[in-house]
Amino acid sequence: MSISADLLTVDLSDGRVIAVPLAWHPRLLHGTSAERDNWRLTGSQAGIHWPDLDEDISLKNILLGQPSGESQTSLKQWLDNRYPQGQSL
């Protein structure tokens, strides 16, 4: 798995490589390189978890091309906590 400025790329065990826009997963988009690099496979390798960003993405959703289902309200609360008033994104 790798994350660039624009893409989340996952190498599957069957040889396929799946890439999705990072914009589909706003918490990853707003994460630092160090936070993005701190990940682990979860649930018998059925998903990826980033503890520093409180983000979980299932491989099923990646395969189906489904973006994050996080509500705008939840994302705003997370961003407000991440960037207290006066700090920039």
PDB file of N, CA and C in Angstrom:
ATOM      1  N   MET A   1       0.831  -1.166   0.000  1.00  0.00           N
ATOM      2  CA  MET A   1       0.000   0.000   0.000  1.00  0.00           C
ATOM      3  C   MET A   1       0.883   1.238   0.000  1.00  0.00           C
ATOM      4  N   SER A   2       0.425   2.262  -0.726  1.00  0.00           N
ATOM      5  CA  SER A   2       1.155   3.526  -0.724  1.00  0.00           C
ATOM      6  C   SER A   2       0.159   4.675  -0.861  1.00  0.00           C
ATOM      7  N   ILE A   3       0.603   5.826  -0.387  1.00  0.00           N
ATOM      8  CA  ILE A   3      -0.227   7.030  -0.478  1.00  0.00           C
ATOM      9  C   ILE A   3       0.638   8.143  -1.053  1.00  0.00           C
ATOM     10  N   SER A   4       0.165   8.708  -2.158  1.00  0.00           N
ATOM     11  CA  SER A   4       0.832   9.875  -2.737  1.00  0.00           C
ATOM     12  C   SER A   4       0.011  11.108  -2.370  1.00  0.00           C
ATOM     13  N   ALA A   5       0.346  12.225  -2.937  1.00  0.00           N
ATOM     14  CA  ALA A   5      -0.418  13.452  -2.675  1.00  0.00           C
ATOM     15  C   ALA A   5      -1.846  13.345  -3.191  1.00  0.00           C
ATOM     16  N   ASP A   6      -2.077  12.458  -4.171  1.00  0.00           N
ATOM     17  CA  ASP A   6      -3.385  12.374  -4.819  1.00  0.00           C
ATOM     18  C   ASP A   6      -4.071  11.021  -4.745  1.00  0.00           C
ATOM     19  N   LEU A   7      -3.311   9.943  -4.482  1.00  0.00           N
ATOM     20  CA  LEU A   7      -3.868   8.592  -4.603  1.00  0.00           C
ATOM     21  C   LEU A   7      -3.545   7.705  -3.412  1.00  0.00           C
ATOM     22  N   LEU A   8      -4.511   6.836  -3.101  1.00  0.00           N
ATOM     23  CA  LEU A   8      -4.299   5.696  -2.213  1.00  0.00           C
ATOM     24  C   LEU A   8      -4.200   4.494  -3.131  1.00  0.00           C
ATOM     25  N   THR A   9      -3.087   3.788  -3.093  1.00  0.00           N
ATOM     26  CA  THR A   9      -2.854   2.649  -3.979  1.00  0.00           C
ATOM     27  C   THR A   9      -2.659   1.400  -3.133  1.00  0.00           C
ATOM     28  N   VAL A  10      -3.418   0.360  -3.478  1.00  0.00           N
ATOM     29  CA  VAL A  10      -3.365  -0.891  -2.733  1.00  0.00           C
ATOM     30  C   VAL A  10      -2.973  -2.014  -3.682  1.00  0.00           C
ATOM     31  N   ASP A  11      -1.953  -2.772  -3.285  1.00  0.00           N
ATOM     32  CA  ASP A  11      -1.519  -3.944  -4.046  1.00  0.00           C
ATOM     33  C   ASP A  11      -2.209  -5.162  -3.456  1.00  0.00           C
ATOM     34  N   LEU A  12      -3.020  -5.829  -4.265  1.00  0.00           N
ATOM     35  CA  LEU A  12      -3.755  -6.998  -3.799  1.00  0.00           C
ATOM     36  C   LEU A  12      -2.932  -8.271  -3.967  1.00  0.00           C
ATOM     37  N   SER A  13      -3.258  -9.288  -3.178  1.00  0.00           N
ATOM     38  CA  SER A  13      -2.495 -10.533  -3.204  1.00  0.00           C
ATOM     39  C   SER A  13      -2.612 -11.263  -4.537  1.00  0.00           C
ATOM     40  N   ASP A  14      -3.647 -10.955  -5.337  1.00  0.00           N
ATOM     41  CA  ASP A  14      -3.801 -11.616  -6.637  1.00  0.00           C
ATOM     42  C   ASP A  14      -3.080 -10.881  -7.768  1.00  0.00           C
ATOM     43  N   GLY A  15      -2.318  -9.844  -7.417  1.00  0.00           N
ATOM     44  CA  GLY A  15      -1.534  -9.125  -8.407  1.00  0.00           C
ATOM     45  C   GLY A  15      -2.156  -7.829  -8.906  1.00  0.00           C
ATOM     46  N   ARG A  16      -3.434  -7.610  -8.610  1.00  0.00           N
ATOM     47  CA  ARG A  16      -4.061  -6.358  -9.038  1.00  0.00           C
ATOM     48  C   ARG A  16      -3.561  -5.200  -8.185  1.00  0.00           C
ATOM     49  N   VAL A  17      -3.567  -4.029  -8.795  1.00  0.00           N
ATOM     50  CA  VAL A  17      -3.230  -2.791  -8.101  1.00  0.00           C
ATOM     51  C   VAL A  17      -4.422  -1.866  -8.272  1.00  0.00           C
ATOM     52  N   ILE A  18      -4.992  -1.432  -7.152  1.00  0.00           N
ATOM     53  CA  ILE A  18      -6.169  -0.570  -7.162  1.00  0.00           C
ATOM     54  C   ILE A  18      -5.767   0.789  -6.605  1.00  0.00           C
ATOM     55  N   ALA A  19      -6.124   1.843  -7.329  1.00  0.00           N
ATOM     56  CA  ALA A  19      -5.830   3.199  -6.861  1.00  0.00           C
ATOM     57  C   ALA A  19      -7.131   3.994  -6.821  1.00  0.00           C
ATOM     58  N   VAL A  20      -7.311   4.735  -5.738  1.00  0.00           N
ATOM     59  CA  VAL A  20      -8.494   5.590  -5.592  1.00  0.00           C
ATOM     60  C   VAL A  20      -8.036   6.990  -5.214  1.00  0.00           C
ATOM     61  N   PRO A  21      -8.820   7.999  -5.588  1.00  0.00           N
ATOM     62  CA  PRO A  21      -8.432   9.374  -5.252  1.00  0.00           C
ATOM     63  C   PRO A  21      -8.388   9.584  -3.742  1.00  0.00           C
ATOM     64  N   LEU A  22      -7.356  10.237  -3.283  1.00  0.00           N
ATOM     65  CA  LEU A  22      -7.232  10.531  -1.865  1.00  0.00           C
ATOM     66  C   LEU A  22      -8.371  11.435  -1.402  1.00  0.00           C
ATOM     67  N   ALA A  23      -8.908  12.233  -2.300  1.00  0.00           N
ATOM     68  CA  ALA A  23     -10.037  13.113  -1.966  1.00  0.00           C
ATOM     69  C   ALA A  23     -11.252  12.313  -1.502  1.00  0.00           C
ATOM     70  N   TRP A  24     -11.322  11.044  -1.844  1.00  0.00           N
ATOM     71  CA  TRP A  24     -12.424  10.199  -1.381  1.00  0.00           C
ATOM     72  C   TRP A  24     -12.325   9.922   0.112  1.00  0.00           C
ATOM     73  N   HIS A  25     -11.180  10.133   0.691  1.00  0.00           N
ATOM     74  CA  HIS A  25     -10.943   9.832   2.107  1.00  0.00           C
ATOM     75  C   HIS A  25     -10.313  11.067   2.753  1.00  0.00           C
ATOM     76  N   PRO A  26     -11.152  12.053   3.115  1.00  0.00           N
ATOM     77  CA  PRO A  26     -10.662  13.343   3.589  1.00  0.00           C
ATOM     78  C   PRO A  26      -9.715  13.284   4.781  1.00  0.00           C
ATOM     79  N   ARG A  27      -9.893  12.339   5.655  1.00  0.00           N
ATOM     80  CA  ARG A  27      -8.982  12.266   6.810  1.00  0.00           C
ATOM     81  C   ARG A  27      -7.569  11.937   6.341  1.00  0.00           C
ATOM     82  N   LEU A  28      -7.454  11.059   5.357  1.00  0.00           N
ATOM     83  CA  LEU A  28      -6.132  10.779   4.797  1.00  0.00           C
ATOM     84  C   LEU A  28      -5.593  11.999   4.069  1.00  0.00           C
ATOM     85  N   LEU A  29      -6.461  12.676   3.361  1.00  0.00           N
ATOM     86  CA  LEU A  29      -6.073  13.873   2.623  1.00  0.00           C
ATOM     87  C   LEU A  29      -5.491  14.930   3.559  1.00  0.00           C
ATOM     88  N   HIS A  30      -6.066  15.070   4.755  1.00  0.00           N
ATOM     89  CA  HIS A  30      -5.615  16.062   5.727  1.00  0.00           C
ATOM     90  C   HIS A  30      -4.504  15.538   6.634  1.00  0.00           C
ATOM     91  N   GLY A  31      -4.161  14.270   6.517  1.00  0.00           N
ATOM     92  CA  GLY A  31      -3.129  13.701   7.370  1.00  0.00           C
ATOM     93  C   GLY A  31      -1.727  14.062   6.920  1.00  0.00           C
ATOM     94  N   THR A  32      -0.823  14.009   7.864  1.00  0.00           N
ATOM     95  CA  THR A  32       0.586  14.219   7.546  1.00  0.00           C
ATOM     96  C   THR A  32       1.161  12.923   6.971  1.00  0.00           C
ATOM     97  N   SER A  33       2.329  13.006   6.391  1.00  0.00           N
ATOM     98  CA  SER A  33       2.989  11.797   5.875  1.00  0.00           C
ATOM     99  C   SER A  33       3.201  10.783   6.992  1.00  0.00           C
ATOM    100  N   ALA A  34       3.625  11.255   8.150  1.00  0.00           N
ATOM    101  CA  ALA A  34       3.858  10.350   9.284  1.00  0.00           C
ATOM    102  C   ALA A  34       2.559   9.670   9.710  1.00  0.00           C
ATOM    103  N   GLU A  35       1.461  10.419   9.741  1.00  0.00           N
ATOM    104  CA  GLU A  35       0.170   9.832  10.123  1.00  0.00           C
ATOM    105  C   GLU A  35      -0.299   8.826   9.072  1.00  0.00           C
ATOM    106  N   ARG A  36      -0.094   9.134   7.821  1.00  0.00           N
ATOM    107  CA  ARG A  36      -0.493   8.214   6.738  1.00  0.00           C
ATOM    108  C   ARG A  36       0.356   6.949   6.738  1.00  0.00           C
ATOM    109  N   ASP A  37       1.615   7.085   7.142  1.00  0.00           N
ATOM    110  CA  ASP A  37       2.519   5.933   7.163  1.00  0.00           C
ATOM    111  C   ASP A  37       2.245   4.994   8.332  1.00  0.00           C
ATOM    112  N   ASN A  38       1.502   5.455   9.321  1.00  0.00           N
ATOM    113  CA  ASN A  38       1.179   4.637  10.493  1.00  0.00           C
ATOM    114  C   ASN A  38      -0.164   3.949  10.261  1.00  0.00           C
ATOM    115  N   TRP A  39      -0.123   2.765   9.662  1.00  0.00           N
ATOM    116  CA  TRP A  39      -1.343   2.023   9.339  1.00  0.00           C
ATOM    117  C   TRP A  39      -1.117   0.542   9.644  1.00  0.00           C
ATOM    118  N   ARG A  40      -2.239  -0.180   9.701  1.00  0.00           N
ATOM    119  CA  ARG A  40      -2.159  -1.634   9.878  1.00  0.00           C
ATOM    120  C   ARG A  40      -3.362  -2.274   9.210  1.00  0.00           C
ATOM    121  N   LEU A  41      -3.193  -3.529   8.815  1.00  0.00           N
ATOM    122  CA  LEU A  41      -4.312  -4.292   8.270  1.00  0.00           C
ATOM    123  C   LEU A  41      -5.190  -4.737   9.413  1.00  0.00           C
ATOM    124  N   THR A  42      -6.486  -4.798   9.170  1.00  0.00           N
ATOM    125  CA  THR A  42      -7.441  -5.198  10.201  1.00  0.00           C
ATOM    126  C   THR A  42      -8.329  -6.322   9.699  1.00  0.00           C
ATOM    127  N   GLY A  43      -9.006  -6.972  10.625  1.00  0.00           N
ATOM    128  CA  GLY A  43     -10.021  -7.966  10.299  1.00  0.00           C
ATOM    129  C   GLY A  43      -9.595  -8.988   9.275  1.00  0.00           C
ATOM    130  N   SER A  44      -8.580  -9.771   9.579  1.00  0.00           N
ATOM    131  CA  SER A  44      -8.074 -10.778   8.640  1.00  0.00           C
ATOM    132  C   SER A  44      -7.712 -10.148   7.301  1.00  0.00           C
ATOM    133  N   GLN A  45      -7.098  -8.989   7.378  1.00  0.00           N
ATOM    134  CA  GLN A  45      -6.642  -8.233   6.213  1.00  0.00           C
ATOM    135  C   GLN A  45      -7.794  -7.754   5.326  1.00  0.00           C
ATOM    136  N   ALA A  46      -8.949  -7.516   5.946  1.00  0.00           N
ATOM    137  CA  ALA A  46     -10.128  -7.057   5.203  1.00  0.00           C
ATOM    138  C   ALA A  46     -10.220  -5.534   5.142  1.00  0.00           C
ATOM    139  N   GLY A  47      -9.317  -4.852   5.828  1.00  0.00           N
ATOM    140  CA  GLY A  47      -9.367  -3.395   5.830  1.00  0.00           C
ATOM    141  C   GLY A  47      -8.054  -2.812   6.294  1.00  0.00           C
ATOM    142  N   ILE A  48      -7.992  -1.480   6.241  1.00  0.00           N
ATOM    143  CA  ILE A  48      -6.804  -0.751   6.646  1.00  0.00           C
ATOM    144  C   ILE A  48      -7.229   0.264   7.707  1.00  0.00           C
ATOM    145  N   HIS A  49      -6.426   0.359   8.762  1.00  0.00           N
ATOM    146  CA  HIS A  49      -6.728   1.274   9.866  1.00  0.00           C
ATOM    147  C   HIS A  49      -5.548   2.224  10.077  1.00  0.00           C
ATOM    148  N   TRP A  50      -5.854   3.519  10.192  1.00  0.00           N
ATOM    149  CA  TRP A  50      -4.873   4.562  10.516  1.00  0.00           C
ATOM    150  C   TRP A  50      -5.235   5.109  11.894  1.00  0.00           C
ATOM    151  N   PRO A  51      -4.565   4.647  12.958  1.00  0.00           N
ATOM    152  CA  PRO A  51      -4.940   5.061  14.316  1.00  0.00           C
ATOM    153  C   PRO A  51      -4.786   6.558  14.563  1.00  0.00           C
ATOM    154  N   ASP A  52      -3.771   7.184  13.986  1.00  0.00           N
ATOM    155  CA  ASP A  52      -3.550   8.612  14.220  1.00  0.00           C
ATOM    156  C   ASP A  52      -4.644   9.480  13.599  1.00  0.00           C
ATOM    157  N   LEU A  53      -5.319   8.945  12.586  1.00  0.00           N
ATOM    158  CA  LEU A  53      -6.359   9.697  11.884  1.00  0.00           C
ATOM    159  C   LEU A  53      -7.757   9.176  12.185  1.00  0.00           C
ATOM    160  N   ASP A  54      -7.847   8.118  13.003  1.00  0.00           N
ATOM    161  CA  ASP A  54      -9.120   7.476  13.314  1.00  0.00           C
ATOM    162  C   ASP A  54      -9.872   7.150  12.020  1.00  0.00           C
ATOM    163  N   GLU A  55      -9.156   6.545  11.074  1.00  0.00           N
ATOM    164  CA  GLU A  55      -9.708   6.223   9.756  1.00  0.00           C
ATOM    165  C   GLU A  55      -9.621   4.730   9.505  1.00  0.00           C
ATOM    166  N   ASP A  56     -10.704   4.172   8.992  1.00  0.00           N
ATOM    167  CA  ASP A  56     -10.760   2.772   8.596  1.00  0.00           C
ATOM    168  C   ASP A  56     -11.340   2.698   7.197  1.00  0.00           C
ATOM    169  N   ILE A  57     -10.699   1.924   6.332  1.00  0.00           N
ATOM    170  CA  ILE A  57     -11.198   1.734   4.977  1.00  0.00           C
ATOM    171  C   ILE A  57     -11.193   0.244   4.692  1.00  0.00           C
ATOM    172  N   SER A  58     -12.343  -0.271   4.277  1.00  0.00           N
ATOM    173  CA  SER A  58     -12.418  -1.686   3.951  1.00  0.00           C
ATOM    174  C   SER A  58     -11.910  -1.916   2.533  1.00  0.00           C
ATOM    175  N   LEU A  59     -11.267  -3.048   2.335  1.00  0.00           N
ATOM    176  CA  LEU A  59     -10.814  -3.389   0.991  1.00  0.00           C
ATOM    177  C   LEU A  59     -12.005  -3.575   0.056  1.00  0.00           C
ATOM    178  N   LYS A  60     -13.132  -4.017   0.590  1.00  0.00           N
ATOM    179  CA  LYS A  60     -14.348  -4.153  -0.217  1.00  0.00           C
ATOM    180  C   LYS A  60     -14.738  -2.800  -0.816  1.00  0.00           C
ATOM    181  N   ASN A  61     -14.721  -1.740   0.008  1.00  0.00           N
ATOM    182  CA  ASN A  61     -15.078  -0.415  -0.497  1.00  0.00           C
ATOM    183  C   ASN A  61     -14.082   0.080  -1.539  1.00  0.00           C
ATOM    184  N   ILE A  62     -12.807  -0.234  -1.338  1.00  0.00           N
ATOM    185  CA  ILE A  62     -11.803   0.142  -2.335  1.00  0.00           C
ATOM    186  C   ILE A  62     -12.093  -0.578  -3.655  1.00  0.00           C
ATOM    187  N   LEU A  63     -12.359  -1.877  -3.575  1.00  0.00           N
ATOM    188  CA  LEU A  63     -12.647  -2.651  -4.785  1.00  0.00           C
ATOM    189  C   LEU A  63     -13.904  -2.171  -5.495  1.00  0.00           C
ATOM    190  N   LEU A  64     -14.908  -1.756  -4.720  1.00  0.00           N
ATOM    191  CA  LEU A  64     -16.170  -1.294  -5.301  1.00  0.00           C
ATOM    192  C   LEU A  64     -16.119   0.174  -5.732  1.00  0.00           C
ATOM    193  N   GLY A  65     -15.015   0.835  -5.430  1.00  0.00           N
ATOM    194  CA  GLY A  65     -14.885   2.242  -5.806  1.00  0.00           C
ATOM    195  C   GLY A  65     -15.790   3.157  -5.013  1.00  0.00           C
ATOM    196  N   GLN A  66     -15.985   2.829  -3.738  1.00  0.00           N
ATOM    197  CA  GLN A  66     -16.862   3.630  -2.887  1.00  0.00           C
ATOM    198  C   GLN A  66     -16.046   4.588  -2.026  1.00  0.00           C
ATOM    199  N   PRO A  67     -16.333   5.878  -2.119  1.00  0.00           N
ATOM    200  CA  PRO A  67     -15.637   6.843  -1.267  1.00  0.00           C
ATOM    201  C   PRO A  67     -16.090   6.733   0.184  1.00  0.00           C
ATOM    202  N   SER A  68     -15.433   7.470   1.036  1.00  0.00           N
ATOM    203  CA  SER A  68     -15.775   7.489   2.458  1.00  0.00           C
ATOM    204  C   SER A  68     -17.244   7.818   2.652  1.00  0.00           C
ATOM    205  N   GLY A  69     -17.853   7.157   3.610  1.00  0.00           N
ATOM    206  CA  GLY A  69     -19.252   7.420   3.936  1.00  0.00           C
ATOM    207  C   GLY A  69     -19.404   8.393   5.090  1.00  0.00           C
ATOM    208  N   GLU A  70     -18.296   9.011   5.502  1.00  0.00           N
ATOM    209  CA  GLU A  70     -18.349   9.941   6.630  1.00  0.00           C
ATOM    210  C   GLU A  70     -19.191  11.157   6.276  1.00  0.00           C
ATOM    211  N   SER A  71     -20.046  11.545   7.193  1.00  0.00           N
ATOM    212  CA  SER A  71     -20.900  12.712   6.956  1.00  0.00           C
ATOM    213  C   SER A  71     -20.074  13.989   7.011  1.00  0.00           C
ATOM    214  N   GLN A  72     -20.569  15.025   6.377  1.00  0.00           N
ATOM    215  CA  GLN A  72     -19.898  16.316   6.401  1.00  0.00           C
ATOM    216  C   GLN A  72     -19.836  16.868   7.829  1.00  0.00           C
ATOM    217  N   THR A  73     -20.870  16.598   8.624  1.00  0.00           N
ATOM    218  CA  THR A  73     -20.892  17.042  10.012  1.00  0.00           C
ATOM    219  C   THR A  73     -19.765  16.390  10.810  1.00  0.00           C
ATOM    220  N   SER A  74     -19.608  15.081  10.647  1.00  0.00           N
ATOM    221  CA  SER A  74     -18.558  14.359  11.355  1.00  0.00           C
ATOM    222  C   SER A  74     -17.179  14.837  10.920  1.00  0.00           C
ATOM    223  N   LEU A  75     -16.990  15.010   9.622  1.00  0.00           N
ATOM    224  CA  LEU A  75     -15.706  15.488   9.119  1.00  0.00           C
ATOM    225  C   LEU A  75     -15.403  16.885   9.649  1.00  0.00           C
ATOM    226  N   LYS A  76     -16.403  17.759   9.666  1.00  0.00           N
ATOM    227  CA  LYS A  76     -16.199  19.114  10.182  1.00  0.00           C
ATOM    228  C   LYS A  76     -15.788  19.085  11.650  1.00  0.00           C
ATOM    229  N   GLN A  77     -16.432  18.245  12.455  1.00  0.00           N
ATOM    230  CA  GLN A  77     -16.064  18.133  13.868  1.00  0.00           C
ATOM    231  C   GLN A  77     -14.617  17.660  14.007  1.00  0.00           C
ATOM    232  N   TRP A  78     -14.239  16.682  13.198  1.00  0.00           N
ATOM    233  CA  TRP A  78     -12.879  16.159  13.246  1.00  0.00           C
ATOM    234  C   TRP A  78     -11.883  17.250  12.859  1.00  0.00           C
ATOM    235  N   LEU A  79     -12.178  17.974  11.787  1.00  0.00           N
ATOM    236  CA  LEU A  79     -11.295  19.058  11.352  1.00  0.00           C
ATOM    237  C   LEU A  79     -11.214  20.169  12.396  1.00  0.00           C
ATOM    238  N   ASP A  80     -12.362  20.514  13.014  1.00  0.00           N
ATOM    239  CA  ASP A  80     -12.370  21.555  14.052  1.00  0.00           C
ATOM    240  C   ASP A  80     -11.490  21.160  15.235  1.00  0.00           C
ATOM    241  N   ASN A  81     -11.505  19.880  15.587  1.00  0.00           N
ATOM    242  CA  ASN A  81     -10.652  19.396  16.677  1.00  0.00           C
ATOM    243  C   ASN A  81      -9.188  19.340  16.254  1.00  0.00           C
ATOM    244  N   ARG A  82      -8.973  19.041  15.004  1.00  0.00           N
ATOM    245  CA  ARG A  82      -7.615  18.913  14.476  1.00  0.00           C
ATOM    246  C   ARG A  82      -6.948  20.275  14.302  1.00  0.00           C
ATOM    247  N   TYR A  83      -7.711  21.243  13.842  1.00  0.00           N
ATOM    248  CA  TYR A  83      -7.197  22.582  13.578  1.00  0.00           C
ATOM    249  C   TYR A  83      -7.985  23.587  14.419  1.00  0.00           C
ATOM    250  N   PRO A  84      -7.605  23.750  15.678  1.00  0.00           N
ATOM    251  CA  PRO A  84      -8.318  24.714  16.528  1.00  0.00           C
ATOM    252  C   PRO A  84      -8.337  26.107  15.887  1.00  0.00           C
ATOM    253  N   GLN A  85      -9.280  26.888  16.292  1.00  0.00           N
ATOM    254  CA  GLN A  85      -9.463  28.230  15.739  1.00  0.00           C
ATOM    255  C   GLN A  85      -8.131  28.978  15.705  1.00  0.00           C
ATOM    256  N   GLY A  86      -7.883  29.597  14.579  1.00  0.00           N
ATOM    257  CA  GLY A  86      -6.640  30.338  14.431  1.00  0.00           C
ATOM    258  C   GLY A  86      -5.554  29.587  13.702  1.00  0.00           C
ATOM    259  N   GLN A  87      -5.692  28.262  13.589  1.00  0.00           N
ATOM    260  CA  GLN A  87      -4.730  27.480  12.830  1.00  0.00           C
ATOM    261  C   GLN A  87      -5.277  27.233  11.439  1.00  0.00           C
ATOM    262  N   SER A  88      -4.402  27.111  10.479  1.00  0.00           N
ATOM    263  CA  SER A  88      -4.863  26.892   9.104  1.00  0.00           C
ATOM    264  C   SER A  88      -4.754  25.422   8.735  1.00  0.00           C
ATOM    265  N   LEU A  89      -5.481  25.073   7.671  1.00  0.00           N
ATOM    266  CA  LEU A  89      -5.442  23.700   7.169  1.00  0.00           C
ATOM    267  C   LEU A  89      -4.146  23.425   6.546  1.00  0.00           C
TER     268      LEU A  89
END
